[in-house]
Amino acid sequence: MTTMASSDLPLPKIGRGKVRDIYAVGEDRVLLLTTDRISAFDVVMNETIPMKGAVLTQISAWWFNQLGGVVPHHMISADADEIIKEVPALEGHHAALAGRAMLCKRTTVFPIECVIRGYISGSAWKEYAASGTLAGEKLEAGLLESQKFPEPVFSPATKAETGHDENIPVSRMREIVGEEDAYTLESMTRAVYTQGEQIAREAGIIICDTKFEFGRDQDGRIILIDEVMTPDSSRFWAADVYKPGQAQPSFDKQPLRDWLDIERKAGRWNGEAPPPTLPQAVIDATSQRYLDAYRRLTGTEFKVK
């Protein structure tokens, strides 16, 4: 399939994120189209990553099918033929939709990233190493980098339009969404992560941490939305090489991050837009990481339908 930096479909475009284009389908549905754009350190690269958008969409679709009995979710279909049957205006756009599009129920989105951490890594480790806290709340002493928590830690964050999301205490989340909804969001987050972590571990993948989004549908139900446990919204580690006390290799854009780090340390990039031109070897290695994540998780080779 050809790579896609941006989409142009005959529907009202109502949003554009770093990776996804969002279209309205009437009043009660949306079409999420995942492009092959990629960002690192909050900068969107000029180059695209082959297969990335379709892999992310189909991993989410796979998870939604696995989780249907755990929580309600927004996916209607991630099959291009079915989507076109549902939305005749998309006739003739099969190539743009194939693999990378998902038709979903429309919701009122909660302004919270529901982050859950099974292991301490990334920004959580940096804060803990500096102050022994996470979002300002004290954690037990003596944890190692990448160590598994005795129990997963629910660690909500506020959504940022630009830059990094901000970790907040659960008490602040309750102020934003209310006591009852905060309890429901945390409960659903824990239920999805518990099921997902077990399924992934059986496939040889540790889901270190992940973030979920939720929305309220037109019937008033809180449902799981957006992407689910993909390499972009989660930290995937290979279980067979996991070793606490150090950073772990991950199944995402690590080749891209590593190369950009080298460019920054060498003084060839200042860490801001515009980004440097990516070598083809970095593009290819990053694409293979996403494909490998799909293969390991689902047990099948990736095929575009």
C-alpha atoms as a PDB file:
ATOM      1  CA  MET A   1       0.000   0.000   0.000  1.00  0.00           C
ATOM      2  CA  THR A   2       1.136   3.562  -0.614  1.00  0.00           C
ATOM      3  CA  THR A   3       2.032   5.786   2.312  1.00  0.00           C
ATOM      4  CA  MET A   4      -0.289   8.624   3.345  1.00  0.00           C
ATOM      5  CA  ALA A   5       0.701  11.927   4.931  1.00  0.00           C
ATOM      6  CA  SER A   6      -2.816  13.383   4.909  1.00  0.00           C
ATOM      7  CA  SER A   7      -6.259  12.378   3.710  1.00  0.00           C
ATOM      8  CA  ASP A   8      -8.923  14.065   1.610  1.00  0.00           C
ATOM      9  CA  LEU A   9     -12.304  12.350   1.830  1.00  0.00           C
ATOM     10  CA  PRO A  10     -15.740  13.685   0.754  1.00  0.00           C
ATOM     11  CA  LEU A  11     -16.875  14.116   4.374  1.00  0.00           C
ATOM     12  CA  PRO A  12     -16.679  17.057   6.800  1.00  0.00           C
ATOM     13  CA  LYS A  13     -13.260  16.987   8.475  1.00  0.00           C
ATOM     14  CA  ILE A  14     -13.746  17.835  12.146  1.00  0.00           C
ATOM     15  CA  GLY A  15     -10.290  17.172  13.539  1.00  0.00           C
ATOM     16  CA  ARG A  16      -6.653  16.524  12.725  1.00  0.00           C
ATOM     17  CA  GLY A  17      -4.227  15.157  15.279  1.00  0.00           C
ATOM     18  CA  LYS A  18      -0.564  14.339  14.956  1.00  0.00           C
ATOM     19  CA  VAL A  19      -1.504  11.034  13.319  1.00  0.00           C
ATOM     20  CA  ARG A  20      -5.291  10.827  12.785  1.00  0.00           C
ATOM     21  CA  ASP A  21      -7.754  12.691  10.577  1.00  0.00           C
ATOM     22  CA  ILE A  22     -11.318  12.717  11.928  1.00  0.00           C
ATOM     23  CA  TYR A  23     -14.414  13.033   9.741  1.00  0.00           C
ATOM     24  CA  ALA A  24     -18.063  13.452  10.680  1.00  0.00           C
ATOM     25  CA  VAL A  25     -20.504  10.833   9.390  1.00  0.00           C
ATOM     26  CA  GLY A  26     -23.848  12.381  10.114  1.00  0.00           C
ATOM     27  CA  GLU A  27     -24.662  13.359  13.692  1.00  0.00           C
ATOM     28  CA  ASP A  28     -23.948  10.054  15.421  1.00  0.00           C
ATOM     29  CA  ARG A  29     -20.826   8.585  13.822  1.00  0.00           C
ATOM     30  CA  VAL A  30     -17.224   9.520  13.006  1.00  0.00           C
ATOM     31  CA  LEU A  31     -14.602   8.096  10.672  1.00  0.00           C
ATOM     32  CA  LEU A  32     -11.106   7.867  12.130  1.00  0.00           C
ATOM     33  CA  LEU A  33      -8.416   7.644   9.478  1.00  0.00           C
ATOM     34  CA  THR A  34      -4.886   6.915  10.670  1.00  0.00           C
ATOM     35  CA  THR A  35      -2.231   8.351   8.368  1.00  0.00           C
ATOM     36  CA  ASP A  36       1.421   7.351   8.225  1.00  0.00           C
ATOM     37  CA  ARG A  37       2.551  10.572   9.886  1.00  0.00           C
ATOM     38  CA  ILE A  38       4.897  10.107  12.812  1.00  0.00           C
ATOM     39  CA  SER A  39       5.977  12.388  15.607  1.00  0.00           C
ATOM     40  CA  ALA A  40       8.779  12.177  18.151  1.00  0.00           C
ATOM     41  CA  PHE A  41       9.603  14.555  20.976  1.00  0.00           C
ATOM     42  CA  ASP A  42       6.387  16.405  20.055  1.00  0.00           C
ATOM     43  CA  VAL A  43       7.641  17.205  16.530  1.00  0.00           C
ATOM     44  CA  VAL A  44       5.917  15.737  13.451  1.00  0.00           C
ATOM     45  CA  MET A  45       8.462  14.399  10.971  1.00  0.00           C
ATOM     46  CA  ASN A  46       8.380  15.329   7.291  1.00  0.00           C
ATOM     47  CA  GLU A  47       8.603  11.696   6.197  1.00  0.00           C
ATOM     48  CA  THR A  48       5.932   9.018   6.575  1.00  0.00           C
ATOM     49  CA  ILE A  49       6.384   5.478   7.933  1.00  0.00           C
ATOM     50  CA  PRO A  50       5.092   2.761   5.549  1.00  0.00           C
ATOM     51  CA  MET A  51       2.253   0.618   6.949  1.00  0.00           C
ATOM     52  CA  LYS A  52       2.187   2.486  10.294  1.00  0.00           C
ATOM     53  CA  GLY A  53      -1.334   3.905  10.002  1.00  0.00           C
ATOM     54  CA  ALA A  54      -2.889   0.620   8.954  1.00  0.00           C
ATOM     55  CA  VAL A  55      -1.020  -1.318  11.641  1.00  0.00           C
ATOM     56  CA  LEU A  56      -2.228   1.050  14.370  1.00  0.00           C
ATOM     57  CA  THR A  57      -5.832   0.878  13.160  1.00  0.00           C
ATOM     58  CA  GLN A  58      -5.864  -2.893  12.863  1.00  0.00           C
ATOM     59  CA  ILE A  59      -4.206  -3.440  16.259  1.00  0.00           C
ATOM     60  CA  SER A  60      -6.950  -1.283  17.805  1.00  0.00           C
ATOM     61  CA  ALA A  61      -9.615  -3.199  15.876  1.00  0.00           C
ATOM     62  CA  TRP A  62      -8.121  -6.495  17.068  1.00  0.00           C
ATOM     63  CA  TRP A  63      -8.247  -5.272  20.659  1.00  0.00           C
ATOM     64  CA  PHE A  64     -11.832  -4.008  20.363  1.00  0.00           C
ATOM     65  CA  ASN A  65     -12.842  -7.476  19.194  1.00  0.00           C
ATOM     66  CA  GLN A  66     -11.002  -9.043  22.144  1.00  0.00           C
ATOM     67  CA  LEU A  67     -12.505  -6.635  24.693  1.00  0.00           C
ATOM     68  CA  GLY A  68     -16.156  -6.596  23.645  1.00  0.00           C
ATOM     69  CA  GLY A  69     -17.165  -8.544  26.752  1.00  0.00           C
ATOM     70  CA  VAL A  70     -15.099  -6.381  29.104  1.00  0.00           C
ATOM     71  CA  VAL A  71     -16.268  -2.835  28.303  1.00  0.00           C
ATOM     72  CA  PRO A  72     -18.473  -1.252  25.611  1.00  0.00           C
ATOM     73  CA  HIS A  73     -16.553   0.512  22.856  1.00  0.00           C
ATOM     74  CA  HIS A  74     -17.067   2.772  19.869  1.00  0.00           C
ATOM     75  CA  MET A  75     -15.917   0.636  16.909  1.00  0.00           C
ATOM     76  CA  ILE A  76     -18.529  -0.181  14.284  1.00  0.00           C
ATOM     77  CA  SER A  77     -16.146  -1.497  11.602  1.00  0.00           C
ATOM     78  CA  ALA A  78     -12.528  -1.310  10.467  1.00  0.00           C
ATOM     79  CA  ASP A  79     -13.205  -3.120   7.169  1.00  0.00           C
ATOM     80  CA  ALA A  80     -13.108  -0.825   4.128  1.00  0.00           C
ATOM     81  CA  ASP A  81     -15.858  -2.691   2.229  1.00  0.00           C
ATOM     82  CA  GLU A  82     -18.205  -2.579   5.216  1.00  0.00           C
ATOM     83  CA  ILE A  83     -17.452   1.091   5.815  1.00  0.00           C
ATOM     84  CA  ILE A  84     -18.311   1.958   2.209  1.00  0.00           C
ATOM     85  CA  LYS A  85     -21.608   0.053   2.515  1.00  0.00           C
ATOM     86  CA  GLU A  86     -22.411   2.118   5.608  1.00  0.00           C
ATOM     87  CA  VAL A  87     -21.203   5.392   4.065  1.00  0.00           C
ATOM     88  CA  PRO A  88     -21.943   5.413   0.299  1.00  0.00           C
ATOM     89  CA  ALA A  89     -20.252   8.812  -0.091  1.00  0.00           C
ATOM     90  CA  LEU A  90     -16.938   6.969   0.283  1.00  0.00           C
ATOM     91  CA  GLU A  91     -17.498   4.885  -2.872  1.00  0.00           C
ATOM     92  CA  GLY A  92     -14.340   5.132  -4.960  1.00  0.00           C
ATOM     93  CA  HIS A  93     -12.097   5.785  -1.945  1.00  0.00           C
ATOM     94  CA  HIS A  94     -11.337   2.177  -1.050  1.00  0.00           C
ATOM     95  CA  ALA A  95      -7.580   2.598  -1.465  1.00  0.00           C
ATOM     96  CA  ALA A  96      -7.510   5.480   1.031  1.00  0.00           C
ATOM     97  CA  LEU A  97      -9.641   3.567   3.557  1.00  0.00           C
ATOM     98  CA  ALA A  98      -8.099   0.094   3.285  1.00  0.00           C
ATOM     99  CA  GLY A  99      -6.600  -0.944   6.588  1.00  0.00           C
ATOM    100  CA  ARG A 100      -6.352   2.526   8.045  1.00  0.00           C
ATOM    101  CA  ALA A 101      -9.992   3.648   8.537  1.00  0.00           C
ATOM    102  CA  MET A 102     -12.379   2.897  11.400  1.00  0.00           C
ATOM    103  CA  LEU A 103     -16.076   3.825  11.521  1.00  0.00           C
ATOM    104  CA  CYS A 104     -17.092   4.612  15.087  1.00  0.00           C
ATOM    105  CA  LYS A 105     -19.914   5.842  17.272  1.00  0.00           C
ATOM    106  CA  ARG A 106     -19.693   9.523  18.044  1.00  0.00           C
ATOM    107  CA  THR A 107     -19.273  10.472  21.698  1.00  0.00           C
ATOM    108  CA  THR A 108     -18.696  13.403  24.006  1.00  0.00           C
ATOM    109  CA  VAL A 109     -15.072  12.851  24.934  1.00  0.00           C
ATOM    110  CA  PHE A 110     -13.824  13.118  28.514  1.00  0.00           C
ATOM    111  CA  PRO A 111     -10.936  15.637  28.808  1.00  0.00           C
ATOM    112  CA  ILE A 112      -8.754  13.061  30.572  1.00  0.00           C
ATOM    113  CA  GLU A 113      -6.084  10.611  29.435  1.00  0.00           C
ATOM    114  CA  CYS A 114      -6.649   7.496  31.549  1.00  0.00           C
ATOM    115  CA  VAL A 115      -3.088   6.280  31.999  1.00  0.00           C
ATOM    116  CA  ILE A 116      -2.346   3.038  33.810  1.00  0.00           C
ATOM    117  CA  ARG A 117       1.139   1.842  34.659  1.00  0.00           C
ATOM    118  CA  GLY A 118       2.031  -1.768  35.394  1.00  0.00           C
ATOM    119  CA  TYR A 119       5.744  -0.914  35.534  1.00  0.00           C
ATOM    120  CA  ILE A 120       7.640   2.269  36.312  1.00  0.00           C
ATOM    121  CA  SER A 121       9.241   3.818  33.250  1.00  0.00           C
ATOM    122  CA  GLY A 122       9.369   6.978  31.153  1.00  0.00           C
ATOM    123  CA  SER A 123       8.123  10.204  32.737  1.00  0.00           C
ATOM    124  CA  ALA A 124       6.946   8.283  35.820  1.00  0.00           C
ATOM    125  CA  TRP A 125      10.460   6.964  36.419  1.00  0.00           C
ATOM    126  CA  LYS A 126      12.012  10.409  35.908  1.00  0.00           C
ATOM    127  CA  GLU A 127       9.724  11.978  38.520  1.00  0.00           C
ATOM    128  CA  TYR A 128      10.157   9.087  40.939  1.00  0.00           C
ATOM    129  CA  ALA A 129      13.957   9.110  40.598  1.00  0.00           C
ATOM    130  CA  ALA A 130      13.995  12.827  41.351  1.00  0.00           C
ATOM    131  CA  SER A 131      11.452  13.018  44.164  1.00  0.00           C
ATOM    132  CA  GLY A 132      10.006   9.590  44.993  1.00  0.00           C
ATOM    133  CA  THR A 133       6.591  10.676  43.701  1.00  0.00           C
ATOM    134  CA  LEU A 134       4.223  10.267  40.762  1.00  0.00           C
ATOM    135  CA  ALA A 135       2.028  13.285  39.965  1.00  0.00           C
ATOM    136  CA  GLY A 136       3.142  14.637  43.327  1.00  0.00           C
ATOM    137  CA  GLU A 137       1.927  11.599  45.265  1.00  0.00           C
ATOM    138  CA  LYS A 138       4.434   9.535  47.237  1.00  0.00           C
ATOM    139  CA  LEU A 139       5.343   6.038  46.001  1.00  0.00           C
ATOM    140  CA  GLU A 140       7.076   3.317  47.973  1.00  0.00           C
ATOM    141  CA  ALA A 141      10.832   3.681  48.311  1.00  0.00           C
ATOM    142  CA  GLY A 142      13.441   1.551  46.577  1.00  0.00           C
ATOM    143  CA  LEU A 143      11.811   0.935  43.183  1.00  0.00           C
ATOM    144  CA  LEU A 144      14.102   0.161  40.255  1.00  0.00           C
ATOM    145  CA  GLU A 145      13.676   1.529  36.742  1.00  0.00           C
ATOM    146  CA  SER A 146      11.260  -0.706  34.789  1.00  0.00           C
ATOM    147  CA  GLN A 147      10.237  -2.604  37.951  1.00  0.00           C
ATOM    148  CA  LYS A 148       6.728  -4.025  38.111  1.00  0.00           C
ATOM    149  CA  PHE A 149       4.388  -2.328  40.566  1.00  0.00           C
ATOM    150  CA  PRO A 150       2.745  -4.616  43.153  1.00  0.00           C
ATOM    151  CA  GLU A 151      -0.547  -3.386  41.684  1.00  0.00           C
ATOM    152  CA  PRO A 152      -1.038  -1.308  38.505  1.00  0.00           C
ATOM    153  CA  VAL A 153      -1.010   2.423  39.240  1.00  0.00           C
ATOM    154  CA  PHE A 154      -3.828   4.532  37.771  1.00  0.00           C
ATOM    155  CA  SER A 155      -2.226   7.800  36.755  1.00  0.00           C
ATOM    156  CA  PRO A 156      -4.558  10.191  34.888  1.00  0.00           C
ATOM    157  CA  ALA A 157      -3.346  13.114  32.821  1.00  0.00           C
ATOM    158  CA  THR A 158      -4.876  16.179  31.268  1.00  0.00           C
ATOM    159  CA  LYS A 159      -4.909  16.328  27.479  1.00  0.00           C
ATOM    160  CA  ALA A 160      -2.583  18.848  25.904  1.00  0.00           C
ATOM    161  CA  GLU A 161      -3.333  20.358  22.500  1.00  0.00           C
ATOM    162  CA  THR A 162       0.407  20.873  22.071  1.00  0.00           C
ATOM    163  CA  GLY A 163       3.358  19.556  24.041  1.00  0.00           C
ATOM    164  CA  HIS A 164       3.186  16.957  26.775  1.00  0.00           C
ATOM    165  CA  ASP A 165       0.110  15.818  28.679  1.00  0.00           C
ATOM    166  CA  GLU A 166       0.323  16.700  32.382  1.00  0.00           C
ATOM    167  CA  ASN A 167       0.134  13.981  35.036  1.00  0.00           C
ATOM    168  CA  ILE A 168      -2.450  14.847  37.687  1.00  0.00           C
ATOM    169  CA  PRO A 169      -3.522  13.216  40.968  1.00  0.00           C
ATOM    170  CA  VAL A 170      -6.799  11.285  41.008  1.00  0.00           C
ATOM    171  CA  SER A 171      -8.220  13.947  43.313  1.00  0.00           C
ATOM    172  CA  ARG A 172      -7.812  16.536  40.539  1.00  0.00           C
ATOM    173  CA  MET A 173      -9.490  14.168  38.048  1.00  0.00           C
ATOM    174  CA  ARG A 174     -12.491  13.930  40.400  1.00  0.00           C
ATOM    175  CA  GLU A 175     -12.752  17.722  40.395  1.00  0.00           C
ATOM    176  CA  ILE A 176     -12.735  17.795  36.583  1.00  0.00           C
ATOM    177  CA  VAL A 177     -15.217  14.989  35.756  1.00  0.00           C
ATOM    178  CA  GLY A 178     -17.027  14.389  39.046  1.00  0.00           C
ATOM    179  CA  GLU A 179     -16.767  11.639  41.657  1.00  0.00           C
ATOM    180  CA  GLU A 180     -19.016   9.077  39.958  1.00  0.00           C
ATOM    181  CA  ASP A 181     -17.514   9.355  36.477  1.00  0.00           C
ATOM    182  CA  ALA A 182     -13.970   9.344  37.891  1.00  0.00           C
ATOM    183  CA  TYR A 183     -14.721   6.056  39.653  1.00  0.00           C
ATOM    184  CA  THR A 184     -16.186   4.565  36.451  1.00  0.00           C
ATOM    185  CA  LEU A 185     -13.253   5.686  34.298  1.00  0.00           C
ATOM    186  CA  GLU A 186     -10.701   4.224  36.696  1.00  0.00           C
ATOM    187  CA  SER A 187     -12.644   0.964  37.012  1.00  0.00           C
ATOM    188  CA  MET A 188     -12.946   0.574  33.232  1.00  0.00           C
ATOM    189  CA  THR A 189      -9.271   1.448  32.759  1.00  0.00           C
ATOM    190  CA  ARG A 190      -8.214  -1.223  35.241  1.00  0.00           C
ATOM    191  CA  ALA A 191     -10.525  -3.823  33.680  1.00  0.00           C
ATOM    192  CA  VAL A 192      -9.218  -3.229  30.148  1.00  0.00           C
ATOM    193  CA  TYR A 193      -5.565  -3.167  31.215  1.00  0.00           C
ATOM    194  CA  THR A 194      -5.896  -6.328  33.297  1.00  0.00           C
ATOM    195  CA  GLN A 195      -7.384  -8.238  30.367  1.00  0.00           C
ATOM    196  CA  GLY A 196      -5.033  -6.714  27.806  1.00  0.00           C
ATOM    197  CA  GLU A 197      -1.899  -7.231  29.844  1.00  0.00           C
ATOM    198  CA  GLN A 198      -2.725 -10.919  30.269  1.00  0.00           C
ATOM    199  CA  ILE A 199      -3.460 -11.445  26.566  1.00  0.00           C
ATOM    200  CA  ALA A 200      -0.289  -9.613  25.518  1.00  0.00           C
ATOM    201  CA  ARG A 201       1.895 -11.486  27.998  1.00  0.00           C
ATOM    202  CA  GLU A 202       0.725 -14.790  26.517  1.00  0.00           C
ATOM    203  CA  ALA A 203       1.989 -13.441  23.178  1.00  0.00           C
ATOM    204  CA  GLY A 204       5.379 -12.567  24.684  1.00  0.00           C
ATOM    205  CA  ILE A 205       4.715  -8.834  25.053  1.00  0.00           C
ATOM    206  CA  ILE A 206       4.735  -6.859  28.303  1.00  0.00           C
ATOM    207  CA  ILE A 207       2.471  -3.801  28.238  1.00  0.00           C
ATOM    208  CA  CYS A 208       4.456  -1.566  30.577  1.00  0.00           C
ATOM    209  CA  ASP A 209       1.923   1.233  30.525  1.00  0.00           C
ATOM    210  CA  THR A 210      -0.844   2.510  28.306  1.00  0.00           C
ATOM    211  CA  LYS A 211      -3.407   5.261  28.015  1.00  0.00           C
ATOM    212  CA  PHE A 212      -7.096   5.046  27.199  1.00  0.00           C
ATOM    213  CA  GLU A 213      -9.711   7.565  26.204  1.00  0.00           C
ATOM    214  CA  PHE A 214     -13.396   7.365  26.990  1.00  0.00           C
ATOM    215  CA  GLY A 215     -16.500   9.163  25.805  1.00  0.00           C
ATOM    216  CA  ARG A 216     -20.197   9.281  26.595  1.00  0.00           C
ATOM    217  CA  ASP A 217     -22.414   7.996  23.784  1.00  0.00           C
ATOM    218  CA  GLN A 218     -25.862   9.257  22.840  1.00  0.00           C
ATOM    219  CA  ASP A 219     -27.452   6.767  25.262  1.00  0.00           C
ATOM    220  CA  GLY A 220     -25.440   8.219  28.137  1.00  0.00           C
ATOM    221  CA  ARG A 221     -23.095   5.224  28.448  1.00  0.00           C
ATOM    222  CA  ILE A 222     -19.390   5.661  29.048  1.00  0.00           C
ATOM    223  CA  ILE A 223     -17.532   3.713  26.338  1.00  0.00           C
ATOM    224  CA  LEU A 224     -13.940   3.059  25.315  1.00  0.00           C
ATOM    225  CA  ILE A 225     -12.854   5.139  22.286  1.00  0.00           C
ATOM    226  CA  ASP A 226      -9.882   6.150  20.130  1.00  0.00           C
ATOM    227  CA  GLU A 227      -6.951   3.712  19.876  1.00  0.00           C
ATOM    228  CA  VAL A 228      -6.384   0.821  22.261  1.00  0.00           C
ATOM    229  CA  MET A 229      -3.078  -0.676  23.392  1.00  0.00           C
ATOM    230  CA  THR A 230      -1.120   0.153  20.252  1.00  0.00           C
ATOM    231  CA  PRO A 231       2.637   0.841  20.145  1.00  0.00           C
ATOM    232  CA  ASP A 232       1.749   4.559  19.926  1.00  0.00           C
ATOM    233  CA  SER A 233      -0.441   4.649  23.041  1.00  0.00           C
ATOM    234  CA  SER A 234       1.505   2.072  25.053  1.00  0.00           C
ATOM    235  CA  ARG A 235       4.982   0.905  25.930  1.00  0.00           C
ATOM    236  CA  PHE A 236       5.435  -2.624  24.552  1.00  0.00           C
ATOM    237  CA  TRP A 237       8.393  -4.646  25.823  1.00  0.00           C
ATOM    238  CA  ALA A 238       9.589  -8.091  24.755  1.00  0.00           C
ATOM    239  CA  ALA A 239       8.989 -10.410  27.710  1.00  0.00           C
ATOM    240  CA  ASP A 240      11.940 -12.653  26.849  1.00  0.00           C
ATOM    241  CA  VAL A 241      14.536  -9.878  27.304  1.00  0.00           C
ATOM    242  CA  TYR A 242      12.870  -7.923  30.120  1.00  0.00           C
ATOM    243  CA  LYS A 243      15.279  -7.034  32.906  1.00  0.00           C
ATOM    244  CA  PRO A 244      14.378  -4.540  35.676  1.00  0.00           C
ATOM    245  CA  GLY A 245      16.910  -1.931  36.742  1.00  0.00           C
ATOM    246  CA  GLN A 246      17.389  -0.426  33.286  1.00  0.00           C
ATOM    247  CA  ALA A 247      15.506   1.010  30.314  1.00  0.00           C
ATOM    248  CA  GLN A 248      13.892  -1.613  28.046  1.00  0.00           C
ATOM    249  CA  PRO A 249      13.827  -1.809  24.224  1.00  0.00           C
ATOM    250  CA  SER A 250      10.323  -1.167  22.931  1.00  0.00           C
ATOM    251  CA  PHE A 251       8.174  -2.033  19.903  1.00  0.00           C
ATOM    252  CA  ASP A 252       7.471   1.454  18.644  1.00  0.00           C
ATOM    253  CA  LYS A 253       9.377   4.349  17.167  1.00  0.00           C
ATOM    254  CA  GLN A 254      12.516   3.616  19.196  1.00  0.00           C
ATOM    255  CA  PRO A 255      14.777   3.542  16.097  1.00  0.00           C
ATOM    256  CA  LEU A 256      13.496   7.039  15.254  1.00  0.00           C
ATOM    257  CA  ARG A 257      13.965   8.335  18.808  1.00  0.00           C
ATOM    258  CA  ASP A 258      17.461   6.864  19.027  1.00  0.00           C
ATOM    259  CA  TRP A 259      18.530   8.484  15.757  1.00  0.00           C
ATOM    260  CA  LEU A 260      17.059  11.853  16.738  1.00  0.00           C
ATOM    261  CA  ASP A 261      18.872  11.656  20.076  1.00  0.00           C
ATOM    262  CA  ILE A 262      22.151  11.207  18.216  1.00  0.00           C
ATOM    263  CA  GLU A 263      21.344  14.202  16.005  1.00  0.00           C
ATOM    264  CA  ARG A 264      20.569  16.365  19.059  1.00  0.00           C
ATOM    265  CA  LYS A 265      23.688  15.359  20.967  1.00  0.00           C
ATOM    266  CA  ALA A 266      25.797  16.043  17.859  1.00  0.00           C
ATOM    267  CA  GLY A 267      24.290  19.529  17.612  1.00  0.00           C
ATOM    268  CA  ARG A 268      22.728  18.867  14.203  1.00  0.00           C
ATOM    269  CA  TRP A 269      19.148  19.319  15.504  1.00  0.00           C
ATOM    270  CA  ASN A 270      17.844  21.601  18.243  1.00  0.00           C
ATOM    271  CA  GLY A 271      14.897  19.385  19.181  1.00  0.00           C
ATOM    272  CA  GLU A 272      12.291  21.662  17.601  1.00  0.00           C
ATOM    273  CA  ALA A 273      10.535  21.979  14.239  1.00  0.00           C
ATOM    274  CA  PRO A 274      11.622  21.704  11.515  1.00  0.00           C
ATOM    275  CA  PRO A 275      12.888  18.157  12.025  1.00  0.00           C
ATOM    276  CA  PRO A 276      15.929  16.756  10.212  1.00  0.00           C
ATOM    277  CA  THR A 277      15.530  14.586   7.112  1.00  0.00           C
ATOM    278  CA  LEU A 278      15.194  10.949   8.109  1.00  0.00           C
ATOM    279  CA  PRO A 279      17.542   8.381   6.534  1.00  0.00           C
ATOM    280  CA  GLN A 280      15.778   5.546   4.711  1.00  0.00           C
ATOM    281  CA  ALA A 281      17.303   3.024   7.114  1.00  0.00           C
ATOM    282  CA  VAL A 282      15.555   4.720  10.070  1.00  0.00           C
ATOM    283  CA  ILE A 283      12.242   4.803   8.190  1.00  0.00           C
ATOM    284  CA  ASP A 284      12.511   1.097   7.317  1.00  0.00           C
ATOM    285  CA  ALA A 285      13.546   0.055  10.845  1.00  0.00           C
ATOM    286  CA  THR A 286      10.652   1.990  12.382  1.00  0.00           C
ATOM    287  CA  SER A 287       8.152   0.430   9.971  1.00  0.00           C
ATOM    288  CA  GLN A 288       9.440  -3.042  10.844  1.00  0.00           C
ATOM    289  CA  ARG A 289       8.978  -2.353  14.572  1.00  0.00           C
ATOM    290  CA  TYR A 290       5.277  -1.672  14.052  1.00  0.00           C
ATOM    291  CA  LEU A 291       4.830  -4.741  11.861  1.00  0.00           C
ATOM    292  CA  ASP A 292       6.652  -6.873  14.429  1.00  0.00           C
ATOM    293  CA  ALA A 293       4.370  -5.632  17.195  1.00  0.00           C
ATOM    294  CA  TYR A 294       1.312  -6.656  15.149  1.00  0.00           C
ATOM    295  CA  ARG A 295       2.800 -10.064  14.336  1.00  0.00           C
ATOM    296  CA  ARG A 296       3.726 -10.851  17.930  1.00  0.00           C
ATOM    297  CA  LEU A 297       0.472  -9.628  19.404  1.00  0.00           C
ATOM    298  CA  THR A 298      -1.989 -11.200  16.972  1.00  0.00           C
ATOM    299  CA  GLY A 299       0.074 -14.234  15.942  1.00  0.00           C
ATOM    300  CA  THR A 300      -0.495 -13.439  12.244  1.00  0.00           C
ATOM    301  CA  GLU A 301       1.289 -11.590   9.475  1.00  0.00           C
ATOM    302  CA  PHE A 302      -0.146  -8.160   8.715  1.00  0.00           C
ATOM    303  CA  LYS A 303      -2.409  -8.030   5.647  1.00  0.00           C
ATOM    304  CA  VAL A 304      -4.404  -5.074   4.380  1.00  0.00           C
ATOM    305  CA  LYS A 305      -8.065  -5.887   3.675  1.00  0.00           C
END
